[in-house]
C-alpha cells in the first residue's frame, strides 16, 4: 500500500504505485489524494488497517512542509500504527 498526496496519486505524471506494480507483478494500492497534508494522510491510513497486511510506503509532508515538526510526528504515528 502506498499512502501519500498527489505525487503518489500520479499528478502530474505517472503514478509510482502503478510502476511498482508492473515491476513486481503484484497489486499495489494507490492511497494518494491530491492536496492532502500529512495529517490527512495519517488519518486515512490509520483508519484503513486492512491495508497493513503487506509493505507500506509513506510519502507525506509535501503539502505542509513548513510545519516540519508536525510532519515528522505524523509520519512517526503512521509508522507506529
C-alpha atoms as a PDB file:
ATOM      1  CA  UNK A   1       0.000   0.000   0.000  1.00  0.00           C
ATOM      2  CA  UNK A   2       1.308   3.421  -0.955  1.00  0.00           C
ATOM      3  CA  UNK A   3      -0.034   6.359   1.062  1.00  0.00           C
ATOM      4  CA  UNK A   4       0.513   9.972   0.109  1.00  0.00           C
ATOM      5  CA  UNK A   5      -0.583  13.069  -1.771  1.00  0.00           C
ATOM      6  CA  UNK A   6      -0.768  13.989  -5.459  1.00  0.00           C
ATOM      7  CA  UNK A   7       2.758  12.687  -6.090  1.00  0.00           C
ATOM      8  CA  UNK A   8       1.583   9.218  -5.033  1.00  0.00           C
ATOM      9  CA  UNK A   9      -1.733   9.604  -6.852  1.00  0.00           C
ATOM     10  CA  UNK A  10       0.152  10.346 -10.029  1.00  0.00           C
ATOM     11  CA  UNK A  11      -0.365  14.028 -10.664  1.00  0.00           C
ATOM     12  CA  UNK A  12       1.100  15.460 -12.855  1.00  0.00           C
ATOM     13  CA  UNK A  13       2.835  12.358 -14.186  1.00  0.00           C
ATOM     14  CA  UNK A  14       2.684   8.569 -13.971  1.00  0.00           C
ATOM     15  CA  UNK A  15       1.730   7.212 -10.508  1.00  0.00           C
ATOM     16  CA  UNK A  16       4.699   5.411  -8.974  1.00  0.00           C
ATOM     17  CA  UNK A  17       2.476   2.718  -7.344  1.00  0.00           C
ATOM     18  CA  UNK A  18       1.428   1.637 -10.854  1.00  0.00           C
ATOM     19  CA  UNK A  19       5.050   1.455 -11.950  1.00  0.00           C
ATOM     20  CA  UNK A  20       5.947  -0.533  -8.823  1.00  0.00           C
ATOM     21  CA  UNK A  21       3.048  -2.890  -9.531  1.00  0.00           C
ATOM     22  CA  UNK A  22       4.328  -3.520 -13.062  1.00  0.00           C
ATOM     23  CA  UNK A  23       7.854  -4.109 -11.803  1.00  0.00           C
ATOM     24  CA  UNK A  24       6.843  -6.546  -9.062  1.00  0.00           C
ATOM     25  CA  UNK A  25       3.843  -8.208 -10.691  1.00  0.00           C
ATOM     26  CA  UNK A  26       1.851  -7.514  -7.512  1.00  0.00           C
ATOM     27  CA  UNK A  27      -1.111  -5.253  -6.846  1.00  0.00           C
ATOM     28  CA  UNK A  28      -0.078  -2.019  -5.121  1.00  0.00           C
ATOM     29  CA  UNK A  29      -2.855   0.023  -3.502  1.00  0.00           C
ATOM     30  CA  UNK A  30      -2.615   3.687  -4.518  1.00  0.00           C
ATOM     31  CA  UNK A  31      -3.652   5.739  -1.486  1.00  0.00           C
ATOM     32  CA  UNK A  32      -2.633   9.061  -2.987  1.00  0.00           C
ATOM     33  CA  UNK A  33      -5.007  12.011  -2.702  1.00  0.00           C
ATOM     34  CA  UNK A  34      -4.121  15.362  -4.241  1.00  0.00           C
ATOM     35  CA  UNK A  35      -3.644  18.253  -1.844  1.00  0.00           C
ATOM     36  CA  UNK A  36      -3.591  16.273   1.362  1.00  0.00           C
ATOM     37  CA  UNK A  37      -1.354  17.179   4.286  1.00  0.00           C
ATOM     38  CA  UNK A  38       0.469  14.679   6.478  1.00  0.00           C
ATOM     39  CA  UNK A  39      -2.408  14.921   8.996  1.00  0.00           C
ATOM     40  CA  UNK A  40      -4.979  13.858   6.414  1.00  0.00           C
ATOM     41  CA  UNK A  41      -2.785  11.091   5.025  1.00  0.00           C
ATOM     42  CA  UNK A  42      -2.144   9.806   8.561  1.00  0.00           C
ATOM     43  CA  UNK A  43      -5.848   9.791   9.408  1.00  0.00           C
ATOM     44  CA  UNK A  44      -6.808   7.893   6.236  1.00  0.00           C
ATOM     45  CA  UNK A  45      -4.019   5.384   6.618  1.00  0.00           C
ATOM     46  CA  UNK A  46      -4.681   4.620  10.291  1.00  0.00           C
ATOM     47  CA  UNK A  47      -8.408   4.223   9.576  1.00  0.00           C
ATOM     48  CA  UNK A  48      -7.747   1.584   6.889  1.00  0.00           C
ATOM     49  CA  UNK A  49      -5.966  -1.151   8.827  1.00  0.00           C
ATOM     50  CA  UNK A  50      -6.901  -3.759   6.220  1.00  0.00           C
ATOM     51  CA  UNK A  51      -4.083  -2.379   4.062  1.00  0.00           C
ATOM     52  CA  UNK A  52      -1.485  -3.114   6.790  1.00  0.00           C
ATOM     53  CA  UNK A  53      -1.028  -6.749   5.700  1.00  0.00           C
ATOM     54  CA  UNK A  54       1.955  -6.071   3.454  1.00  0.00           C
ATOM     55  CA  UNK A  55       4.633  -3.459   2.980  1.00  0.00           C
ATOM     56  CA  UNK A  56       3.561   0.172   3.393  1.00  0.00           C
ATOM     57  CA  UNK A  57       5.048   3.164   1.569  1.00  0.00           C
ATOM     58  CA  UNK A  58       4.559   6.615   3.111  1.00  0.00           C
ATOM     59  CA  UNK A  59       5.011   9.826   1.132  1.00  0.00           C
ATOM     60  CA  UNK A  60       3.764  12.671   3.310  1.00  0.00           C
ATOM     61  CA  UNK A  61       4.584  16.258   4.133  1.00  0.00           C
ATOM     62  CA  UNK A  62       4.764  17.913   0.740  1.00  0.00           C
ATOM     63  CA  UNK A  63       1.618  19.951   1.325  1.00  0.00           C
ATOM     64  CA  UNK A  64       2.546  21.061   4.850  1.00  0.00           C
ATOM     65  CA  UNK A  65       6.355  21.010   4.724  1.00  0.00           C
ATOM     66  CA  UNK A  66       6.612  24.344   6.557  1.00  0.00           C
ATOM     67  CA  UNK A  67       5.296  22.575   9.674  1.00  0.00           C
ATOM     68  CA  UNK A  68       8.143  20.062   9.736  1.00  0.00           C
ATOM     69  CA  UNK A  69       7.788  19.098  13.406  1.00  0.00           C
ATOM     70  CA  UNK A  70       4.168  18.110  12.814  1.00  0.00           C
ATOM     71  CA  UNK A  71       5.080  16.237   9.606  1.00  0.00           C
ATOM     72  CA  UNK A  72       7.692  14.199  11.492  1.00  0.00           C
ATOM     73  CA  UNK A  73       5.173  13.497  14.280  1.00  0.00           C
ATOM     74  CA  UNK A  74       2.501  12.382  11.794  1.00  0.00           C
ATOM     75  CA  UNK A  75       4.866  10.067   9.945  1.00  0.00           C
ATOM     76  CA  UNK A  76       6.038   8.582  13.250  1.00  0.00           C
ATOM     77  CA  UNK A  77       2.412   7.878  14.148  1.00  0.00           C
ATOM     78  CA  UNK A  78       1.883   6.178  10.787  1.00  0.00           C
ATOM     79  CA  UNK A  79       4.931   4.006  11.344  1.00  0.00           C
ATOM     80  CA  UNK A  80       3.870   3.144  14.900  1.00  0.00           C
ATOM     81  CA  UNK A  81       0.409   2.106  13.708  1.00  0.00           C
END
